[in-house]
C-alpha atoms as a PDB file:
ATOM      1  CA  UNK A   1     185.368  -8.635  81.782  1.00  0.00           C
ATOM      2  CA  UNK A   2     188.137  -6.184  82.611  1.00  0.00           C
ATOM      3  CA  UNK A   3     187.504  -2.539  83.304  1.00  0.00           C
ATOM      4  CA  UNK A   4     187.369  -0.199  80.340  1.00  0.00           C
ATOM      5  CA  UNK A   5     189.278   2.393  82.384  1.00  0.00           C
ATOM      6  CA  UNK A   6     193.004   1.552  82.518  1.00  0.00           C
ATOM      7  CA  UNK A   7     193.569   4.261  85.138  1.00  0.00           C
ATOM      8  CA  UNK A   8     191.604   2.431  87.853  1.00  0.00           C
ATOM      9  CA  UNK A   9     193.731   0.528  90.415  1.00  0.00           C
ATOM     10  CA  UNK A  10     193.633  -3.257  90.051  1.00  0.00           C
ATOM     11  CA  UNK A  11     192.674  -5.212  93.160  1.00  0.00           C
ATOM     12  CA  UNK A  12     193.595  -8.905  93.290  1.00  0.00           C
ATOM     13  CA  UNK A  13     191.116 -11.524  94.514  1.00  0.00           C
ATOM     14  CA  UNK A  14     193.178 -14.725  94.860  1.00  0.00           C
ATOM     15  CA  UNK A  15     192.142 -18.362  94.793  1.00  0.00           C
ATOM     16  CA  UNK A  16     192.420 -20.628  97.834  1.00  0.00           C
ATOM     17  CA  UNK A  17     192.850 -24.335  98.380  1.00  0.00           C
ATOM     18  CA  UNK A  18     191.811 -26.438 101.354  1.00  0.00           C
ATOM     19  CA  UNK A  19     194.805 -28.533 102.429  1.00  0.00           C
ATOM     20  CA  UNK A  20     192.300 -30.705 104.240  1.00  0.00           C
ATOM     21  CA  UNK A  21     188.594 -30.456 105.058  1.00  0.00           C
ATOM     22  CA  UNK A  22     186.905 -32.444 107.836  1.00  0.00           C
ATOM     23  CA  UNK A  23     183.205 -32.315 108.646  1.00  0.00           C
ATOM     24  CA  UNK A  24     182.977 -32.521 112.449  1.00  0.00           C
ATOM     25  CA  UNK A  25     179.333 -31.675 113.201  1.00  0.00           C
ATOM     26  CA  UNK A  26     176.090 -30.099 112.097  1.00  0.00           C
ATOM     27  CA  UNK A  27     174.422 -27.088 113.726  1.00  0.00           C
ATOM     28  CA  UNK A  28     170.735 -26.664 114.419  1.00  0.00           C
ATOM     29  CA  UNK A  29     170.520 -24.105 111.584  1.00  0.00           C
ATOM     30  CA  UNK A  30     171.665 -26.709 109.071  1.00  0.00           C
ATOM     31  CA  UNK A  31     175.225 -25.456 108.606  1.00  0.00           C
ATOM     32  CA  UNK A  32     178.004 -28.016 108.939  1.00  0.00           C
ATOM     33  CA  UNK A  33     180.881 -27.422 111.335  1.00  0.00           C
ATOM     34  CA  UNK A  34     184.276 -27.925 109.772  1.00  0.00           C
ATOM     35  CA  UNK A  35     187.974 -28.062 110.356  1.00  0.00           C
ATOM     36  CA  UNK A  36     190.135 -26.983 107.478  1.00  0.00           C
ATOM     37  CA  UNK A  37     193.340 -25.231 106.490  1.00  0.00           C
ATOM     38  CA  UNK A  38     193.083 -22.430 103.956  1.00  0.00           C
ATOM     39  CA  UNK A  39     196.083 -21.548 101.825  1.00  0.00           C
ATOM     40  CA  UNK A  40     196.048 -18.862  99.166  1.00  0.00           C
ATOM     41  CA  UNK A  41     197.529 -19.110  95.666  1.00  0.00           C
ATOM     42  CA  UNK A  42     199.259 -16.495  93.530  1.00  0.00           C
ATOM     43  CA  UNK A  43     196.484 -16.965  90.967  1.00  0.00           C
ATOM     44  CA  UNK A  44     193.769 -14.339  91.134  1.00  0.00           C
ATOM     45  CA  UNK A  45     190.790 -12.614  89.608  1.00  0.00           C
ATOM     46  CA  UNK A  46     191.368  -8.942  88.892  1.00  0.00           C
ATOM     47  CA  UNK A  47     188.876  -6.326  90.066  1.00  0.00           C
ATOM     48  CA  UNK A  48     188.521  -2.569  89.808  1.00  0.00           C
ATOM     49  CA  UNK A  49     185.978  -0.117  91.173  1.00  0.00           C
ATOM     50  CA  UNK A  50     184.695   3.211  89.931  1.00  0.00           C
ATOM     51  CA  UNK A  51     182.927   4.967  92.806  1.00  0.00           C
ATOM     52  CA  UNK A  52     180.165   7.571  92.674  1.00  0.00           C
ATOM     53  CA  UNK A  53     177.878   9.514  94.998  1.00  0.00           C
ATOM     54  CA  UNK A  54     174.697   8.781  93.028  1.00  0.00           C
ATOM     55  CA  UNK A  55     173.822   5.679  95.019  1.00  0.00           C
ATOM     56  CA  UNK A  56     174.124   3.491  91.914  1.00  0.00           C
ATOM     57  CA  UNK A  57     175.630   0.014  92.309  1.00  0.00           C
ATOM     58  CA  UNK A  58     176.403  -1.533  88.947  1.00  0.00           C
ATOM     59  CA  UNK A  59     178.559  -4.272  87.430  1.00  0.00           C
ATOM     60  CA  UNK A  60     180.314  -4.360  84.070  1.00  0.00           C
ATOM     61  CA  UNK A  61     180.239  -8.181  83.787  1.00  0.00           C
ATOM     62  CA  UNK A  62     177.587 -10.859  83.410  1.00  0.00           C
ATOM     63  CA  UNK A  63     178.327 -14.520  84.078  1.00  0.00           C
ATOM     64  CA  UNK A  64     174.753 -15.717  83.807  1.00  0.00           C
ATOM     65  CA  UNK A  65     173.605 -15.002  87.359  1.00  0.00           C
ATOM     66  CA  UNK A  66     171.217 -12.247  88.352  1.00  0.00           C
ATOM     67  CA  UNK A  67     171.927  -9.173  90.437  1.00  0.00           C
ATOM     68  CA  UNK A  68     170.281 -10.595  93.556  1.00  0.00           C
ATOM     69  CA  UNK A  69     172.717 -13.520  93.666  1.00  0.00           C
ATOM     70  CA  UNK A  70     175.809 -11.475  92.788  1.00  0.00           C
ATOM     71  CA  UNK A  71     177.969 -11.577  95.932  1.00  0.00           C
ATOM     72  CA  UNK A  72     179.885  -8.476  94.887  1.00  0.00           C
ATOM     73  CA  UNK A  73     176.753  -6.360  94.675  1.00  0.00           C
ATOM     74  CA  UNK A  74     175.532  -7.955  97.917  1.00  0.00           C
ATOM     75  CA  UNK A  75     178.842  -7.053  99.590  1.00  0.00           C
ATOM     76  CA  UNK A  76     178.680  -3.461  98.383  1.00  0.00           C
ATOM     77  CA  UNK A  77     175.053  -3.160  99.537  1.00  0.00           C
ATOM     78  CA  UNK A  78     175.824  -4.674 102.961  1.00  0.00           C
ATOM     79  CA  UNK A  79     178.726  -2.268 103.451  1.00  0.00           C
ATOM     80  CA  UNK A  80     176.683   0.761 102.412  1.00  0.00           C
ATOM     81  CA  UNK A  81     173.722  -0.246 104.581  1.00  0.00           C
ATOM     82  CA  UNK A  82     175.985  -0.833 107.591  1.00  0.00           C
ATOM     83  CA  UNK A  83     177.297   2.730 107.528  1.00  0.00           C
ATOM     84  CA  UNK A  84     173.921   4.212 106.564  1.00  0.00           C
ATOM     85  CA  UNK A  85     175.210   6.016 103.477  1.00  0.00           C
ATOM     86  CA  UNK A  86     172.668   5.386 100.663  1.00  0.00           C
ATOM     87  CA  UNK A  87     174.377   7.931  98.396  1.00  0.00           C
ATOM     88  CA  UNK A  88     177.466   5.715  98.036  1.00  0.00           C
ATOM     89  CA  UNK A  89     177.688   3.919  94.722  1.00  0.00           C
ATOM     90  CA  UNK A  90     180.153   2.078  92.509  1.00  0.00           C
ATOM     91  CA  UNK A  91     180.606   0.196  89.291  1.00  0.00           C
ATOM     92  CA  UNK A  92     182.326  -3.135  89.931  1.00  0.00           C
ATOM     93  CA  UNK A  93     184.596  -4.559  87.228  1.00  0.00           C
ATOM     94  CA  UNK A  94     185.769  -8.170  87.265  1.00  0.00           C
ATOM     95  CA  UNK A  95     188.262  -9.990  85.068  1.00  0.00           C
ATOM     96  CA  UNK A  96     187.421 -13.608  85.926  1.00  0.00           C
ATOM     97  CA  UNK A  97     190.278 -16.112  85.928  1.00  0.00           C
ATOM     98  CA  UNK A  98     189.359 -18.469  88.804  1.00  0.00           C
ATOM     99  CA  UNK A  99     186.941 -21.179  87.566  1.00  0.00           C
ATOM    100  CA  UNK A 100     183.434 -20.975  88.978  1.00  0.00           C
ATOM    101  CA  UNK A 101     182.149 -24.001  90.888  1.00  0.00           C
ATOM    102  CA  UNK A 102     185.698 -25.265  91.326  1.00  0.00           C
ATOM    103  CA  UNK A 103     186.098 -25.124  95.105  1.00  0.00           C
ATOM    104  CA  UNK A 104     188.771 -22.422  94.828  1.00  0.00           C
ATOM    105  CA  UNK A 105     186.770 -19.696  96.560  1.00  0.00           C
ATOM    106  CA  UNK A 106     186.549 -17.261  93.664  1.00  0.00           C
ATOM    107  CA  UNK A 107     183.136 -15.866  94.582  1.00  0.00           C
ATOM    108  CA  UNK A 108     184.059 -15.455  98.254  1.00  0.00           C
ATOM    109  CA  UNK A 109     187.375 -13.871  97.315  1.00  0.00           C
ATOM    110  CA  UNK A 110     185.623 -11.400  95.022  1.00  0.00           C
ATOM    111  CA  UNK A 111     183.159 -10.460  97.771  1.00  0.00           C
ATOM    112  CA  UNK A 112     185.950  -9.956 100.318  1.00  0.00           C
ATOM    113  CA  UNK A 113     187.909  -7.802  97.876  1.00  0.00           C
ATOM    114  CA  UNK A 114     184.790  -5.733  97.240  1.00  0.00           C
ATOM    115  CA  UNK A 115     184.403  -5.104 100.991  1.00  0.00           C
ATOM    116  CA  UNK A 116     188.058  -4.151 101.422  1.00  0.00           C
ATOM    117  CA  UNK A 117     188.296  -2.010  98.292  1.00  0.00           C
ATOM    118  CA  UNK A 118     185.079  -0.067  98.843  1.00  0.00           C
ATOM    119  CA  UNK A 119     185.864   0.431 102.529  1.00  0.00           C
ATOM    120  CA  UNK A 120     189.011   2.171 101.290  1.00  0.00           C
ATOM    121  CA  UNK A 121     187.601   3.953  98.244  1.00  0.00           C
ATOM    122  CA  UNK A 122     184.508   5.206 100.087  1.00  0.00           C
ATOM    123  CA  UNK A 123     186.731   6.379 102.949  1.00  0.00           C
ATOM    124  CA  UNK A 124     184.790   4.454 105.603  1.00  0.00           C
ATOM    125  CA  UNK A 125     187.705   3.373 107.799  1.00  0.00           C
ATOM    126  CA  UNK A 126     185.999   0.239 109.146  1.00  0.00           C
ATOM    127  CA  UNK A 127     188.198  -2.231 111.034  1.00  0.00           C
ATOM    128  CA  UNK A 128     189.034  -5.669 109.639  1.00  0.00           C
ATOM    129  CA  UNK A 129     186.907  -7.401 112.299  1.00  0.00           C
ATOM    130  CA  UNK A 130     183.847  -5.466 111.158  1.00  0.00           C
ATOM    131  CA  UNK A 131     184.496  -6.376 107.534  1.00  0.00           C
ATOM    132  CA  UNK A 132     184.875 -10.032 108.521  1.00  0.00           C
ATOM    133  CA  UNK A 133     181.526  -9.943 110.316  1.00  0.00           C
ATOM    134  CA  UNK A 134     179.889  -8.406 107.255  1.00  0.00           C
ATOM    135  CA  UNK A 135     181.619 -11.014 105.103  1.00  0.00           C
ATOM    136  CA  UNK A 136     180.253 -13.894 107.174  1.00  0.00           C
ATOM    137  CA  UNK A 137     176.729 -12.770 106.313  1.00  0.00           C
ATOM    138  CA  UNK A 138     177.649 -13.323 102.659  1.00  0.00           C
ATOM    139  CA  UNK A 139     179.351 -16.711 102.956  1.00  0.00           C
ATOM    140  CA  UNK A 140     181.405 -18.856 105.320  1.00  0.00           C
ATOM    141  CA  UNK A 141     184.629 -18.480 103.301  1.00  0.00           C
ATOM    142  CA  UNK A 142     184.510 -14.696 103.006  1.00  0.00           C
ATOM    143  CA  UNK A 143     186.086 -13.902 106.421  1.00  0.00           C
ATOM    144  CA  UNK A 144     189.363 -15.723 105.673  1.00  0.00           C
ATOM    145  CA  UNK A 145     189.757 -13.721 102.460  1.00  0.00           C
ATOM    146  CA  UNK A 146     189.138 -10.510 104.402  1.00  0.00           C
ATOM    147  CA  UNK A 147     191.738 -11.565 106.987  1.00  0.00           C
ATOM    148  CA  UNK A 148     194.161 -12.205 104.142  1.00  0.00           C
ATOM    149  CA  UNK A 149     196.411 -14.774 105.850  1.00  0.00           C
ATOM    150  CA  UNK A 150     196.575 -18.568 105.614  1.00  0.00           C
ATOM    151  CA  UNK A 151     194.621 -20.020 108.484  1.00  0.00           C
ATOM    152  CA  UNK A 152     193.454 -22.988 110.487  1.00  0.00           C
ATOM    153  CA  UNK A 153     189.645 -22.652 110.426  1.00  0.00           C
ATOM    154  CA  UNK A 154     186.878 -24.091 112.567  1.00  0.00           C
ATOM    155  CA  UNK A 155     183.162 -23.447 113.123  1.00  0.00           C
ATOM    156  CA  UNK A 156     181.594 -23.049 109.686  1.00  0.00           C
ATOM    157  CA  UNK A 157     184.949 -21.704 108.548  1.00  0.00           C
ATOM    158  CA  UNK A 158     184.862 -18.353 110.351  1.00  0.00           C
ATOM    159  CA  UNK A 159     186.890 -19.172 113.494  1.00  0.00           C
ATOM    160  CA  UNK A 160     190.385 -18.442 112.208  1.00  0.00           C
ATOM    161  CA  UNK A 161     193.858 -19.013 113.596  1.00  0.00           C
ATOM    162  CA  UNK A 162     196.560 -17.567 111.300  1.00  0.00           C
ATOM    163  CA  UNK A 163     199.344 -20.040 110.487  1.00  0.00           C
ATOM    164  CA  UNK A 164     202.466 -19.863 108.362  1.00  0.00           C
ATOM    165  CA  UNK A 165     202.566 -22.669 105.804  1.00  0.00           C
ATOM    166  CA  UNK A 166     205.137 -24.048 103.370  1.00  0.00           C
ATOM    167  CA  UNK A 167     204.691 -22.405  99.959  1.00  0.00           C
ATOM    168  CA  UNK A 168     205.235 -25.067  97.306  1.00  0.00           C
ATOM    169  CA  UNK A 169     204.290 -24.901  93.679  1.00  0.00           C
ATOM    170  CA  UNK A 170     200.904 -26.475  92.976  1.00  0.00           C
ATOM    171  CA  UNK A 171     199.395 -28.041  89.917  1.00  0.00           C
ATOM    172  CA  UNK A 172     195.667 -27.245  89.897  1.00  0.00           C
ATOM    173  CA  UNK A 173     193.405 -29.025  87.391  1.00  0.00           C
ATOM    174  CA  UNK A 174     189.656 -28.978  86.904  1.00  0.00           C
ATOM    175  CA  UNK A 175     187.151 -30.606  84.511  1.00  0.00           C
ATOM    176  CA  UNK A 176     184.601 -28.723  82.444  1.00  0.00           C
ATOM    177  CA  UNK A 177     181.979 -29.338  85.109  1.00  0.00           C
ATOM    178  CA  UNK A 178     181.442 -27.422  88.331  1.00  0.00           C
ATOM    179  CA  UNK A 179     180.050 -28.734  91.603  1.00  0.00           C
ATOM    180  CA  UNK A 180     177.231 -27.260  93.675  1.00  0.00           C
ATOM    181  CA  UNK A 181     178.384 -26.769  97.277  1.00  0.00           C
ATOM    182  CA  UNK A 182     174.794 -26.893  98.543  1.00  0.00           C
ATOM    183  CA  UNK A 183     174.171 -30.178  96.736  1.00  0.00           C
ATOM    184  CA  UNK A 184     177.273 -31.814  98.216  1.00  0.00           C
ATOM    185  CA  UNK A 185     176.523 -30.718 101.781  1.00  0.00           C
ATOM    186  CA  UNK A 186     172.945 -32.004 101.462  1.00  0.00           C
ATOM    187  CA  UNK A 187     174.047 -35.581 100.780  1.00  0.00           C
ATOM    188  CA  UNK A 188     172.849 -38.129 103.342  1.00  0.00           C
ATOM    189  CA  UNK A 189     176.147 -40.049 103.216  1.00  0.00           C
ATOM    190  CA  UNK A 190     178.041 -37.075 104.598  1.00  0.00           C
ATOM    191  CA  UNK A 191     179.036 -38.218 108.091  1.00  0.00           C
ATOM    192  CA  UNK A 192     180.675 -36.426 110.961  1.00  0.00           C
ATOM    193  CA  UNK A 193     184.133 -37.209 112.278  1.00  0.00           C
ATOM    194  CA  UNK A 194     184.086 -38.626 115.789  1.00  0.00           C
ATOM    195  CA  UNK A 195     187.404 -36.996 116.691  1.00  0.00           C
ATOM    196  CA  UNK A 196     188.453 -33.461 115.903  1.00  0.00           C
ATOM    197  CA  UNK A 197     192.026 -32.639 115.016  1.00  0.00           C
ATOM    198  CA  UNK A 198     194.097 -30.276 117.127  1.00  0.00           C
ATOM    199  CA  UNK A 199     196.219 -27.540 115.629  1.00  0.00           C
ATOM    200  CA  UNK A 200     199.215 -28.899 117.538  1.00  0.00           C
ATOM    201  CA  UNK A 201     199.070 -31.948 115.230  1.00  0.00           C
ATOM    202  CA  UNK A 202     200.698 -29.726 112.630  1.00  0.00           C
ATOM    203  CA  UNK A 203     203.917 -29.857 114.624  1.00  0.00           C
ATOM    204  CA  UNK A 204     204.151 -33.614 114.292  1.00  0.00           C
ATOM    205  CA  UNK A 205     203.545 -34.154 110.579  1.00  0.00           C
ATOM    206  CA  UNK A 206     203.876 -32.438 107.246  1.00  0.00           C
ATOM    207  CA  UNK A 207     201.116 -29.861 106.962  1.00  0.00           C
ATOM    208  CA  UNK A 208     200.787 -30.748 103.287  1.00  0.00           C
ATOM    209  CA  UNK A 209     199.683 -34.257 104.322  1.00  0.00           C
ATOM    210  CA  UNK A 210     197.751 -33.460 107.491  1.00  0.00           C
ATOM    211  CA  UNK A 211     194.398 -34.933 106.450  1.00  0.00           C
ATOM    212  CA  UNK A 212     191.849 -35.663 103.781  1.00  0.00           C
ATOM    213  CA  UNK A 213     188.851 -33.930 102.269  1.00  0.00           C
ATOM    214  CA  UNK A 214     185.686 -35.560 103.633  1.00  0.00           C
ATOM    215  CA  UNK A 215     183.700 -34.269 100.655  1.00  0.00           C
ATOM    216  CA  UNK A 216     185.964 -35.893  98.093  1.00  0.00           C
ATOM    217  CA  UNK A 217     184.468 -39.443  98.139  1.00  0.00           C
ATOM    218  CA  UNK A 218     180.973 -38.012  97.634  1.00  0.00           C
ATOM    219  CA  UNK A 219     182.022 -35.818  94.717  1.00  0.00           C
ATOM    220  CA  UNK A 220     183.959 -38.681  93.121  1.00  0.00           C
ATOM    221  CA  UNK A 221     180.767 -40.757  93.082  1.00  0.00           C
ATOM    222  CA  UNK A 222     178.549 -37.956  91.804  1.00  0.00           C
ATOM    223  CA  UNK A 223     180.965 -36.480  89.260  1.00  0.00           C
ATOM    224  CA  UNK A 224     182.931 -39.183  87.385  1.00  0.00           C
ATOM    225  CA  UNK A 225     185.139 -36.559  85.734  1.00  0.00           C
ATOM    226  CA  UNK A 226     186.528 -35.607  89.150  1.00  0.00           C
ATOM    227  CA  UNK A 227     187.134 -39.260  90.004  1.00  0.00           C
ATOM    228  CA  UNK A 228     189.039 -39.818  86.749  1.00  0.00           C
ATOM    229  CA  UNK A 229     191.059 -36.646  87.243  1.00  0.00           C
ATOM    230  CA  UNK A 230     192.145 -37.583  90.764  1.00  0.00           C
ATOM    231  CA  UNK A 231     193.099 -41.084  89.607  1.00  0.00           C
ATOM    232  CA  UNK A 232     195.249 -39.611  86.837  1.00  0.00           C
ATOM    233  CA  UNK A 233     196.997 -37.139  89.152  1.00  0.00           C
ATOM    234  CA  UNK A 234     197.692 -39.798  91.780  1.00  0.00           C
ATOM    235  CA  UNK A 235     200.173 -41.385  89.376  1.00  0.00           C
ATOM    236  CA  UNK A 236     202.456 -38.467  90.158  1.00  0.00           C
ATOM    237  CA  UNK A 237     201.859 -37.532  93.785  1.00  0.00           C
ATOM    238  CA  UNK A 238     199.387 -36.679  96.541  1.00  0.00           C
ATOM    239  CA  UNK A 239     196.284 -35.270  94.835  1.00  0.00           C
ATOM    240  CA  UNK A 240     193.349 -33.798  96.748  1.00  0.00           C
ATOM    241  CA  UNK A 241     190.148 -32.004  95.915  1.00  0.00           C
ATOM    242  CA  UNK A 242     189.754 -28.422  97.119  1.00  0.00           C
ATOM    243  CA  UNK A 243     186.619 -27.498  99.042  1.00  0.00           C
ATOM    244  CA  UNK A 244     183.529 -29.067  97.536  1.00  0.00           C
ATOM    245  CA  UNK A 245     185.252 -29.478  94.156  1.00  0.00           C
ATOM    246  CA  UNK A 246     185.628 -29.802  91.284  1.00  0.00           C
ATOM    247  CA  UNK A 247     189.243 -28.563  91.278  1.00  0.00           C
ATOM    248  CA  UNK A 248     192.029 -30.962  92.263  1.00  0.00           C
ATOM    249  CA  UNK A 249     195.485 -29.849  93.391  1.00  0.00           C
ATOM    250  CA  UNK A 250     198.852 -31.456  93.986  1.00  0.00           C
ATOM    251  CA  UNK A 251     202.060 -30.001  95.468  1.00  0.00           C
ATOM    252  CA  UNK A 252     205.038 -30.360  93.129  1.00  0.00           C
ATOM    253  CA  UNK A 253     208.802 -30.283  93.562  1.00  0.00           C
ATOM    254  CA  UNK A 254     209.212 -27.226  91.363  1.00  0.00           C
ATOM    255  CA  UNK A 255     207.466 -24.868  88.985  1.00  0.00           C
ATOM    256  CA  UNK A 256     209.047 -26.762  86.119  1.00  0.00           C
ATOM    257  CA  UNK A 257     207.720 -30.164  87.193  1.00  0.00           C
ATOM    258  CA  UNK A 258     204.236 -28.697  87.734  1.00  0.00           C
ATOM    259  CA  UNK A 259     204.326 -27.041  84.294  1.00  0.00           C
ATOM    260  CA  UNK A 260     205.419 -30.291  82.645  1.00  0.00           C
ATOM    261  CA  UNK A 261     202.498 -32.161  84.215  1.00  0.00           C
ATOM    262  CA  UNK A 262     200.115 -29.380  83.208  1.00  0.00           C
ATOM    263  CA  UNK A 263     201.166 -29.927  79.592  1.00  0.00           C
ATOM    264  CA  UNK A 264     200.401 -33.653  79.936  1.00  0.00           C
ATOM    265  CA  UNK A 265     196.953 -33.214  81.465  1.00  0.00           C
ATOM    266  CA  UNK A 266     194.068 -35.302  80.102  1.00  0.00           C
ATOM    267  CA  UNK A 267     191.900 -34.086  77.264  1.00  0.00           C
ATOM    268  CA  UNK A 268     189.142 -31.586  78.175  1.00  0.00           C
ATOM    269  CA  UNK A 269     190.851 -30.746  81.459  1.00  0.00           C
ATOM    270  CA  UNK A 270     191.880 -27.171  82.210  1.00  0.00           C
ATOM    271  CA  UNK A 271     194.326 -25.973  84.801  1.00  0.00           C
ATOM    272  CA  UNK A 272     197.126 -23.728  85.937  1.00  0.00           C
ATOM    273  CA  UNK A 273     200.330 -23.711  87.973  1.00  0.00           C
ATOM    274  CA  UNK A 274     200.502 -21.462  91.030  1.00  0.00           C
ATOM    275  CA  UNK A 275     202.638 -20.944  94.096  1.00  0.00           C
ATOM    276  CA  UNK A 276     201.196 -21.150  97.581  1.00  0.00           C
ATOM    277  CA  UNK A 277     201.272 -17.877  99.499  1.00  0.00           C
ATOM    278  CA  UNK A 278     200.540 -17.044 103.123  1.00  0.00           C
ATOM    279  CA  UNK A 279     199.567 -13.372 102.829  1.00  0.00           C
ATOM    280  CA  UNK A 280     197.335 -11.729 100.255  1.00  0.00           C
ATOM    281  CA  UNK A 281     198.742  -8.750  98.398  1.00  0.00           C
ATOM    282  CA  UNK A 282     195.669  -6.850  97.225  1.00  0.00           C
ATOM    283  CA  UNK A 283     196.881  -4.154  94.866  1.00  0.00           C
ATOM    284  CA  UNK A 284     198.855  -4.778  91.693  1.00  0.00           C
END
C-alpha cells in the first residue's frame, strides 16, 4: 500500500526483463551459472521510507509473507548490521504494481531500492560496490538493480557489464498464476549449454533477438497458462518469457501498437505497456 505521508519522497523500483537467459553451468553450492541481458522498464513499484533512531524496522504493507522472508526488511537489516548502527530504523512503504512471481524482478528491485534509499536517508555514504555486495547476499538479481544500468550478466547474475540497448515499447502480459524460481531451477530437465555466448555477438545481430530463455520450455510444460499465452502472442511477433516466468514480453513497433494488442489480450490475462530504459531514475 502507498505511504500515508504524502510529504515523503517517492523512490521508484522498476521492473526488468531478460532479453535472453542461458543456463551455462552449475556450481558446487547448487546455484546455476547464467548468461543473460537485463533491461529495465519504465514500469515501477513506488516506495517511501520514514526513518527513525529508535532501531525499529517496520513495514506498512502485507502481501501474505512473513517478516523473515521480506527482502526489504532483510535489506534494511543487512545495511544496518554492516555499519554497526543498531539505533537506525525505518518504516518501509510499498505501492506494489509489478506482479509477484512474474519474472520481472519486483522483489529484487524493491530490495535494491531499499539499500540505496536508506544508504542516503541514514547518511551512510557507502559506495555502490558495497551496496551491490550486500545486495548479492539477498538475491542474485539485486546487484543489477543497485547498479541501475542495463547489463550483460554472467556468473549467477552478479558479474555485470553495462551495455546500451535499444529502447522499444514492450507489451508485457502475465496470467493469474506465478512461478516459483526455486521450483524451476530444481527441474531435472534443465540442461547446461555446451557453448557460452560472447558479448561481441551483440555486434553481429539484433540484441532484441540475441537468444532464447532456457527456462521457457520447462515453464510452458509445467504452467499451461504460460504456454497458451506465448502461443497467442507469437501471432504478432517475437514473444519471450522473462526470467523464470510467468510474464511474457514482446517488443512492438510503437506504443500505439502495443496498447492495441493489450486491449485484445486473452481473457483472465493481465498486462501493461512499457518502454525499455537503460538507466534507472530513482526519485520521482
